[in-house]
Protein backbone atom coordinates (compact mmCIF):
# COMPACT_ATOMS: atom_id res chain seq x y z
CA MET A 1 -18.47 -4.08 25.20
CA LYS A 2 -21.63 -2.25 24.13
CA ILE A 3 -20.85 0.41 21.53
CA ALA A 4 -23.04 3.02 19.86
CA TYR A 5 -21.42 4.14 16.61
CA ILE A 6 -23.16 7.15 15.05
CA ALA A 7 -22.47 7.16 11.31
CA ALA A 8 -23.64 9.34 8.43
CA GLY A 9 -25.27 8.30 5.18
CA ALA A 10 -23.91 9.94 2.05
CA GLY A 11 -27.03 10.47 -0.01
CA GLY A 12 -27.08 7.09 -1.72
CA MET A 13 -23.50 6.96 -2.96
CA TYR A 14 -20.70 4.58 -2.01
CA CYS A 15 -18.68 6.61 0.47
CA GLY A 16 -15.29 5.78 1.95
CA SER A 17 -16.39 6.84 5.43
CA CYS A 18 -19.56 4.72 5.25
CA ILE A 19 -17.59 1.70 4.07
CA HIS A 20 -14.96 2.24 6.78
CA ASP A 21 -17.59 2.63 9.54
CA ASN A 22 -19.53 -0.43 8.43
CA THR A 23 -16.36 -2.55 8.10
CA LEU A 24 -15.21 -1.53 11.58
CA ALA A 25 -18.62 -2.18 13.16
CA ALA A 26 -18.84 -5.60 11.47
CA ALA A 27 -15.34 -6.53 12.68
CA LEU A 28 -16.18 -5.46 16.25
CA ILE A 29 -19.35 -7.55 16.15
CA LYS A 30 -17.35 -10.53 14.84
CA LYS A 31 -15.05 -10.17 17.84
CA GLY A 32 -18.06 -10.62 20.17
CA HIS A 33 -18.97 -7.01 20.97
CA GLU A 34 -22.42 -5.47 20.66
CA VAL A 35 -22.47 -2.57 18.21
CA ALA A 36 -25.33 -0.35 17.09
CA LEU A 37 -24.21 1.30 13.85
CA ILE A 38 -26.66 4.20 13.77
CA PRO A 39 -27.35 5.90 10.42
CA THR A 40 -28.01 9.63 10.27
CA TYR A 41 -29.29 11.81 7.40
CA THR A 42 -29.79 8.90 4.96
CA PRO A 43 -29.33 5.12 5.09
CA ILE A 44 -25.73 3.93 4.93
CA ARG A 45 -24.69 2.44 1.63
CA THR A 46 -21.80 -0.01 1.61
CA ASP A 47 -20.56 -2.67 -0.80
CA GLU A 48 -20.44 -5.26 1.99
CA THR A 49 -23.10 -6.70 4.31
CA ASN A 50 -24.77 -3.69 5.93
CA VAL A 51 -24.76 -4.06 9.74
CA SER A 52 -26.43 -0.71 10.52
CA ILE A 53 -29.68 -0.58 12.47
CA GLN A 54 -32.92 0.05 10.60
CA LYS A 55 -33.78 3.20 12.55
CA ILE A 56 -32.51 6.51 11.14
CA PHE A 57 -31.85 9.61 13.23
CA TYR A 58 -31.38 13.16 11.97
CA GLY A 59 -33.29 12.11 8.85
CA GLY A 60 -32.23 14.30 5.94
CA ILE A 61 -35.73 15.56 5.14
CA ASN A 62 -36.51 16.49 8.75
CA VAL A 63 -33.12 18.12 9.26
CA PHE A 64 -33.50 20.22 6.11
CA LEU A 65 -37.07 21.32 6.85
CA GLU A 66 -36.24 22.10 10.49
CA GLU A 67 -33.47 24.35 9.25
CA LYS A 68 -35.75 26.17 6.82
CA PHE A 69 -39.08 26.44 8.66
CA ASP A 70 -39.77 27.26 12.28
CA TRP A 71 -43.26 25.71 12.12
CA PHE A 72 -41.80 22.34 11.06
CA ARG A 73 -39.90 22.09 14.34
CA ARG A 74 -43.24 21.88 16.15
CA LEU A 75 -44.90 19.15 14.06
CA PRO A 76 -46.17 16.01 15.86
CA PRO A 77 -43.76 13.06 16.15
CA VAL A 78 -45.82 10.83 13.84
CA LEU A 79 -44.61 12.88 10.87
CA ASP A 80 -41.02 12.36 11.97
CA TRP A 81 -41.46 8.66 11.42
CA LEU A 82 -42.90 9.26 7.95
CA PHE A 83 -40.09 11.55 6.79
CA ASN A 84 -37.41 9.30 8.35
CA HIS A 85 -38.51 6.21 6.42
CA PRO A 86 -35.42 4.71 4.69
CA THR A 87 -37.23 4.19 1.38
CA LEU A 88 -38.30 7.83 1.22
CA LEU A 89 -34.84 9.08 2.21
CA ASN A 90 -33.17 6.91 -0.44
CA TRP A 91 -35.63 8.13 -3.06
CA VAL A 92 -35.18 11.81 -2.23
CA SER A 93 -31.38 11.51 -2.16
CA ARG A 94 -31.44 10.62 -5.87
CA PHE A 95 -32.57 14.13 -6.78
CA GLY A 96 -30.03 16.31 -5.02
CA SER A 97 -26.41 16.63 -3.97
CA SER A 98 -27.14 16.38 -0.26
CA THR A 99 -23.47 16.24 0.68
CA ASN A 100 -22.37 19.27 -1.32
CA ALA A 101 -20.80 21.66 1.19
CA LYS A 102 -21.60 24.72 -0.90
CA ASP A 103 -25.31 24.17 -0.22
CA LEU A 104 -25.06 23.29 3.47
CA GLY A 105 -23.51 26.22 5.32
CA ALA A 106 -26.40 27.20 7.59
CA LEU A 107 -27.28 23.57 8.28
CA THR A 108 -23.68 22.70 9.22
CA VAL A 109 -23.56 25.58 11.71
CA SER A 110 -26.92 24.56 13.17
CA VAL A 111 -25.92 20.91 13.70
CA LEU A 112 -22.67 21.99 15.35
CA ARG A 113 -24.72 24.11 17.76
CA GLY A 114 -26.20 20.87 19.09
CA GLU A 115 -28.90 21.45 21.68
CA HIS A 116 -29.06 25.13 20.67
CA GLY A 117 -29.47 24.44 16.94
CA HIS A 118 -32.60 24.08 14.85
CA GLN A 119 -32.20 20.28 15.02
CA GLN A 120 -32.34 20.15 18.82
CA ARG A 121 -35.40 17.88 18.57
CA GLU A 122 -33.41 15.39 16.49
CA LEU A 123 -30.59 15.38 19.06
CA ALA A 124 -33.05 14.91 21.92
CA LYS A 125 -34.61 11.90 20.15
CA LEU A 126 -31.20 10.34 19.59
CA ALA A 127 -30.07 10.88 23.19
CA HIS A 128 -33.40 9.55 24.49
CA TRP A 129 -33.15 6.38 22.38
CA LEU A 130 -29.56 5.79 23.45
CA LYS A 131 -30.45 6.24 27.13
CA ARG A 132 -33.73 4.32 27.20
CA ASP A 133 -33.39 1.65 24.53
CA TYR A 134 -29.71 0.92 23.90
CA GLN A 135 -27.67 2.02 26.94
CA PRO A 136 -24.15 1.84 25.47
CA GLU A 137 -20.93 1.85 27.45
CA ILE A 138 -19.26 4.14 24.92
CA VAL A 139 -20.37 6.31 22.00
CA GLN A 140 -18.33 7.03 18.88
CA LEU A 141 -19.16 9.75 16.38
CA THR A 142 -18.17 9.20 12.75
CA ASN A 143 -16.54 12.63 12.42
CA SER A 144 -16.17 15.89 14.27
CA MET A 145 -18.97 17.60 12.34
CA PHE A 146 -21.15 15.77 14.90
CA ALA A 147 -19.28 17.29 17.85
CA GLY A 148 -22.41 19.26 18.74
CA MET A 149 -24.03 16.00 19.88
CA ALA A 150 -21.48 15.26 22.58
CA ARG A 151 -22.68 17.61 25.33
CA MET A 152 -26.24 16.27 25.48
CA ILE A 153 -25.22 12.62 25.01
CA LYS A 154 -22.71 12.83 27.85
CA LYS A 155 -25.21 14.62 30.07
CA GLU A 156 -27.96 12.05 29.43
CA LEU A 157 -25.87 8.87 29.37
CA GLY A 158 -22.81 9.65 31.44
CA VAL A 159 -20.55 7.63 29.12
CA PRO A 160 -17.41 8.54 27.17
CA VAL A 161 -17.90 10.05 23.71
CA LEU A 162 -15.14 9.51 21.16
CA CYS A 163 -14.94 10.89 17.66
CA ALA A 164 -13.32 9.74 14.43
CA MET A 165 -11.65 12.15 12.04
CA GLN A 166 -12.38 11.45 8.37
CA GLY A 167 -11.84 14.51 6.21
CA GLU A 168 -13.85 17.23 7.92
CA ASP A 169 -11.50 19.99 6.75
CA ILE A 170 -12.18 19.03 3.13
CA PHE A 171 -15.89 19.59 3.70
CA LEU A 172 -15.44 22.77 5.73
CA LYS A 173 -13.17 24.52 3.24
CA ASP A 174 -15.97 24.41 0.66
CA LEU A 175 -18.49 26.16 2.89
CA LEU A 176 -19.33 29.73 1.93
CA GLU A 177 -18.78 32.61 4.30
CA PRO A 178 -19.90 33.54 6.86
CA TYR A 179 -20.73 29.88 7.54
CA LYS A 180 -17.18 28.61 7.05
CA SER A 181 -15.70 30.78 9.81
CA ARG A 182 -18.63 30.23 12.16
CA ALA A 183 -18.56 26.45 11.66
CA LEU A 184 -14.84 26.28 12.42
CA GLU A 185 -15.34 28.42 15.53
CA LEU A 186 -18.11 26.12 16.77
CA LEU A 187 -16.12 23.00 15.89
CA ARG A 188 -13.17 24.18 17.96
CA GLU A 189 -15.48 24.99 20.86
CA ARG A 190 -17.41 21.71 20.77
CA ALA A 191 -14.29 19.59 20.19
CA GLN A 192 -13.26 20.35 23.77
CA GLU A 193 -16.26 18.26 24.93
CA ILE A 194 -15.07 15.12 23.10
CA ASP A 195 -13.17 12.67 25.35
CA GLY A 196 -10.87 11.40 22.63
CA PHE A 197 -10.40 11.30 18.86
CA ILE A 198 -9.38 8.58 16.40
CA ALA A 199 -7.59 9.43 13.16
CA THR A 200 -6.58 7.06 10.38
CA SER A 201 -3.10 8.53 9.83
CA ASP A 202 -0.37 10.41 11.65
CA TYR A 203 -0.65 13.14 9.04
CA TYR A 204 -4.31 13.75 9.77
CA ALA A 205 -3.91 13.49 13.53
CA SER A 206 -1.28 16.23 13.52
CA PHE A 207 -3.19 18.36 11.04
CA MET A 208 -6.48 18.15 12.94
CA ALA A 209 -4.86 18.82 16.31
CA ASP A 210 -3.87 22.22 14.97
CA TYR A 211 -7.02 22.72 12.88
CA ILE A 212 -9.56 22.20 15.68
CA GLN A 213 -7.14 23.19 18.45
CA VAL A 214 -7.09 20.06 20.61
CA PRO A 215 -4.00 18.50 22.23
CA ARG A 216 -2.27 16.02 19.91
CA GLU A 217 -2.25 13.44 22.71
CA LYS A 218 -6.06 13.37 22.61
CA ILE A 219 -5.90 11.97 19.07
CA HIS A 220 -5.19 8.25 18.67
CA VAL A 221 -4.06 6.84 15.33
CA VAL A 222 -5.73 3.63 14.17
CA ARG A 223 -4.70 2.50 10.71
CA LEU A 224 -7.33 1.77 8.11
CA GLY A 225 -8.31 -1.84 7.66
CA ILE A 226 -10.33 -3.62 4.99
CA ASN A 227 -12.35 -6.79 4.87
CA LEU A 228 -9.96 -9.05 2.95
CA ARG A 229 -12.56 -11.60 1.89
CA GLY A 230 -12.11 -12.16 -1.83
CA HIS A 231 -9.05 -9.93 -2.11
CA GLY A 232 -5.82 -11.53 -3.23
CA THR A 233 -7.27 -14.80 -4.48
CA THR A 234 -5.42 -14.53 -7.80
CA PRO A 235 -1.78 -15.63 -8.00
CA LYS A 236 0.72 -13.19 -6.53
CA GLU A 237 2.98 -13.51 -9.57
CA LYS A 238 0.79 -11.70 -12.08
CA LYS A 239 1.99 -10.99 -15.59
CA GLN A 240 1.46 -7.57 -17.08
CA HIS A 241 -1.57 -7.12 -19.25
CA ASN A 242 -1.19 -6.25 -22.90
CA PRO A 243 -1.96 -3.41 -23.27
CA PHE A 244 -0.71 -2.20 -19.88
CA ALA A 245 -3.79 -1.35 -17.79
CA VAL A 246 -3.80 1.85 -15.71
CA GLY A 247 -6.75 2.07 -13.33
CA TYR A 248 -8.73 4.70 -11.43
CA LEU A 249 -11.17 3.57 -8.72
CA ALA A 250 -12.88 6.39 -6.83
CA ARG A 251 -15.76 8.83 -6.99
CA ILE A 252 -15.75 10.78 -10.25
CA CYS A 253 -15.10 14.37 -9.16
CA PRO A 254 -12.41 17.05 -9.69
CA GLU A 255 -10.84 16.59 -6.27
CA LYS A 256 -10.01 12.93 -6.97
CA GLY A 257 -7.89 14.00 -9.93
CA LEU A 258 -9.13 11.91 -12.85
CA HIS A 259 -8.27 14.77 -15.23
CA LEU A 260 -4.63 14.56 -14.12
CA LEU A 261 -4.53 10.83 -14.82
CA VAL A 262 -6.06 11.32 -18.28
CA ASP A 263 -3.30 13.81 -19.11
CA ALA A 264 -0.66 11.38 -17.79
CA VAL A 265 -2.02 8.52 -19.90
CA HIS A 266 -2.01 10.81 -22.92
CA LEU A 267 1.71 11.43 -22.36
CA LEU A 268 2.28 7.67 -22.12
CA ALA A 269 0.29 7.03 -25.29
CA GLN A 270 2.44 9.58 -27.13
CA LYS A 271 5.59 7.88 -25.87
CA LEU A 272 4.60 4.22 -26.26
CA GLY A 273 1.83 4.31 -28.83
CA SER A 274 -1.87 4.07 -27.98
CA ALA A 275 -1.89 0.31 -28.56
CA ALA A 276 0.43 -0.18 -25.57
CA ILE A 277 -1.77 1.31 -22.84
CA LYS A 278 -5.32 1.26 -21.49
CA LEU A 279 -7.08 3.54 -18.99
CA LYS A 280 -9.82 1.81 -16.97
CA VAL A 281 -12.06 3.95 -14.77
CA ALA A 282 -14.73 2.99 -12.23
CA GLY A 283 -16.58 4.90 -9.53
CA TYR A 284 -19.72 6.70 -8.47
CA LEU A 285 -20.80 9.67 -10.59
CA GLY A 286 -23.12 12.11 -8.85
CA GLN A 287 -25.38 14.66 -10.47
CA ARG A 288 -23.21 17.64 -9.53
CA ASP A 289 -20.12 16.11 -11.22
CA ARG A 290 -21.68 15.13 -14.53
CA LYS A 291 -20.39 18.28 -16.25
CA TYR A 292 -16.90 17.48 -15.02
CA PHE A 293 -17.09 13.94 -16.39
CA GLN A 294 -18.48 15.21 -19.68
CA ALA A 295 -15.46 17.51 -19.93
CA ILE A 296 -13.22 14.50 -19.23
CA LYS A 297 -14.84 12.56 -22.05
CA SER A 298 -14.49 15.54 -24.38
CA THR A 299 -10.79 15.73 -23.50
CA VAL A 300 -10.40 12.00 -24.14
CA GLN A 301 -12.01 12.41 -27.54
CA SER A 302 -9.98 15.48 -28.50
CA LEU A 303 -6.74 13.71 -27.54
CA GLY A 304 -7.66 10.66 -29.62
CA LEU A 305 -7.86 8.37 -26.59
CA ASP A 306 -11.38 7.00 -27.19
CA ALA A 307 -10.13 3.51 -28.00
CA ILE A 308 -8.09 3.19 -24.80
CA PHE A 309 -10.57 4.73 -22.33
CA GLU A 310 -13.09 2.51 -20.51
CA TYR A 311 -15.62 3.61 -17.88
CA ALA A 312 -17.15 0.73 -15.93
CA GLY A 313 -19.53 2.94 -13.94
CA GLU A 314 -20.38 2.33 -10.30
CA ILE A 315 -19.43 -1.20 -9.28
CA ASP A 316 -20.26 -3.47 -6.35
CA ARG A 317 -17.74 -5.36 -4.23
CA ASP A 318 -17.28 -8.42 -6.42
CA GLN A 319 -17.08 -6.26 -9.54
CA LYS A 320 -14.54 -4.05 -7.75
CA ILE A 321 -12.23 -6.97 -7.01
CA ASP A 322 -12.52 -8.18 -10.62
CA PHE A 323 -11.84 -4.63 -11.83
CA ILE A 324 -8.69 -4.31 -9.69
CA ASN A 325 -7.38 -7.66 -10.88
CA GLY A 326 -7.65 -6.41 -14.45
CA LEU A 327 -5.14 -3.63 -13.69
CA ASP A 328 -1.38 -3.35 -13.72
CA VAL A 329 -1.27 -0.17 -11.65
CA LEU A 330 -3.80 2.03 -9.85
CA SER A 331 -3.58 5.80 -9.53
CA VAL A 332 -6.05 8.21 -7.91
CA PRO A 333 -4.09 11.50 -7.96
CA THR A 334 -6.17 13.48 -5.50
CA THR A 335 -5.79 17.25 -5.60
CA TYR A 336 -6.41 17.44 -1.84
CA LYS A 337 -4.54 15.85 1.04
CA GLU A 338 -6.43 12.58 1.45
CA PRO A 339 -6.70 11.47 5.11
CA LYS A 340 -7.66 7.84 4.28
CA GLY A 341 -7.23 6.19 0.88
CA LEU A 342 -9.11 2.89 1.05
CA PHE A 343 -8.61 2.36 -2.68
CA VAL A 344 -4.84 2.08 -2.10
CA LEU A 345 -5.32 -0.80 0.34
CA GLU A 346 -7.81 -2.50 -1.98
CA ALA A 347 -5.37 -2.34 -4.90
CA LEU A 348 -2.44 -3.59 -2.84
CA ALA A 349 -4.53 -6.40 -1.35
CA ASN A 350 -4.68 -7.75 -4.90
CA ALA A 351 -0.97 -7.20 -5.63
CA VAL A 352 -1.62 -4.15 -7.81
CA PRO A 353 0.94 -1.38 -7.10
CA VAL A 354 -0.11 2.26 -6.89
CA VAL A 355 1.16 5.64 -8.02
CA GLN A 356 -0.02 8.38 -5.66
CA PRO A 357 0.76 12.04 -4.90
CA ARG A 358 3.21 12.72 -2.11
CA HIS A 359 0.72 14.25 0.33
CA GLY A 360 -1.92 13.38 2.90
CA ALA A 361 -1.90 9.80 4.19
CA PHE A 362 -0.33 8.33 1.05
CA PRO A 363 3.33 8.61 2.17
CA GLU A 364 2.52 6.68 5.36
CA ILE A 365 0.73 3.90 3.49
CA ILE A 366 3.44 3.58 0.85
CA GLU A 367 6.19 3.62 3.48
CA ALA A 368 4.42 0.94 5.52
CA THR A 369 3.65 -1.34 2.57
CA GLY A 370 6.33 -0.66 0.00
CA GLY A 371 3.60 -1.09 -2.58
CA GLY A 372 3.83 2.02 -4.68
CA ILE A 373 5.52 5.15 -5.96
CA LEU A 374 5.00 8.67 -4.62
CA VAL A 375 5.06 11.55 -7.08
CA GLU A 376 4.84 15.32 -7.10
CA PRO A 377 1.18 16.36 -6.55
CA HIS A 378 -0.80 17.93 -9.42
CA SER A 379 1.73 16.74 -12.02
CA PRO A 380 0.65 14.58 -14.99
CA ASP A 381 4.32 14.43 -16.05
CA ALA A 382 5.34 12.92 -12.71
CA ILE A 383 2.49 10.40 -12.83
CA ALA A 384 3.41 9.40 -16.38
CA GLU A 385 7.09 9.02 -15.50
CA ALA A 386 6.30 6.77 -12.52
CA ILE A 387 3.94 4.56 -14.53
CA TYR A 388 6.47 4.38 -17.37
CA SER A 389 9.09 3.10 -14.92
CA LEU A 390 6.76 0.23 -14.01
CA ILE A 391 5.93 -0.56 -17.63
CA THR A 392 9.60 -0.79 -18.55
CA ASP A 393 10.55 -2.78 -15.46
CA PRO A 394 7.93 -5.56 -15.12
CA GLU A 395 9.94 -7.33 -12.43
CA ARG A 396 9.91 -4.24 -10.21
CA CYS A 397 6.17 -3.79 -10.85
CA THR A 398 5.46 -7.37 -9.80
CA LYS A 399 7.72 -7.19 -6.76
CA MET A 400 6.15 -3.94 -5.58
CA GLY A 401 2.64 -5.34 -5.89
CA ARG A 402 3.55 -8.57 -4.14
CA GLN A 403 5.24 -6.77 -1.25
CA GLY A 404 2.25 -4.46 -0.79
CA GLN A 405 -0.09 -7.44 -0.84
CA GLU A 406 1.81 -9.28 1.87
CA VAL A 407 1.87 -6.26 4.20
CA VAL A 408 -1.80 -5.36 3.67
CA HIS A 409 -2.93 -8.92 4.37
CA ARG A 410 -0.78 -8.96 7.50
CA GLN A 411 -1.29 -5.47 8.97
CA PHE A 412 -4.28 -3.76 7.33
CA SER A 413 -7.13 -6.20 7.91
CA ASP A 414 -10.48 -5.29 9.45
CA ASP A 415 -9.59 -7.48 12.44
CA PHE A 416 -6.34 -5.55 12.97
CA MET A 417 -8.27 -2.26 12.83
CA ALA A 418 -10.94 -3.50 15.23
CA GLU A 419 -8.38 -4.68 17.78
CA ALA A 420 -6.55 -1.34 17.69
CA THR A 421 -9.87 0.50 18.09
CA LEU A 422 -10.79 -1.61 21.11
CA GLN A 423 -7.48 -0.75 22.73
CA VAL A 424 -8.38 2.93 22.39
CA TYR A 425 -11.87 2.36 23.80
CA GLN A 426 -10.45 0.57 26.83
CA GLN A 427 -8.52 3.69 27.81
CA TYR A 428 -11.80 5.55 28.35
CA LEU A 429 -13.91 2.93 30.12
């Protein structure tokens, strides 16, 4: 099968959607299919071997300038190549929060307008390349914010266009008015032109069916899968660390809930003594969230937790696996309803149980794996109570981690995800 997978770079940060898209494309290629993983906006950054093509469409600089200046939309093509150069796009992305929804209202609306938006030249170039140079049998969009592409791609190529769903509502809710309402209106209109959708959880499939007003039967659920290479190489029967290590592995930002976990660990330190517990944190920290992290560090200091708080910074794949294996439990208490949750699978793949809020996709993952505890959202007390139950019952902690590991290695691999995705594709060919 010849597949064009249109992905989106995230301005130089490790992004769950980028990692998911790259993992899926690599697994499809491994199964003998031809896949063009096509970056848009900026190059894709992943902590595994990057299988994306070198060419970038909808380059972030061009897209931004086309939105701002009418004269830029008429510049000669040679300048497109210059502004789309991966090195330049990576360099520019270091100086701004290019994925911050609060700054991108007009641009979001314009991209959703597709051939009628200010980026119509970018869409025409993409459709032309797909038709002339690649000629896929099927096209998949990384998320429905690209729904504006479907009409022209289908017209030019005459092939099915499918679309993943990966947290679009989270982005849209942060848009300012009037862009928020207009973007949702356009999304609902353009979603009707998509042949089928793929969501990573039943929760998100049902939510998005209502949110963008498409029939639920048009949305197929394909569970997340991860590349298991290197995961789970340590013995399944792991003894608890001393002190007990609580971990957080995600982007450092308010919506991921690190502040809630800090408060929970403070409660545990009061109950058990600070010598009995450790909080280990790792993840990307962007410019716009530095004030938030500084406030976290101030809180840690004021609570007297300096000695038990460790921040490992942004880590690569091997460092991530080592980090997880240094934990007794992982908790990323998101304040929003997470549609994916790759970090849960990564922890469980290494027999580390999780404590997660009872919302979004987490209940489905925990039910399927048996590898964690669900707690009341937004509650440090509930998080602390759940972690305390694992500290005081090491056998249960070990059993929970081992059970989650066995299920993830059996049912949540990249190969499993690729096979399920192919079954969806076959329905449209």
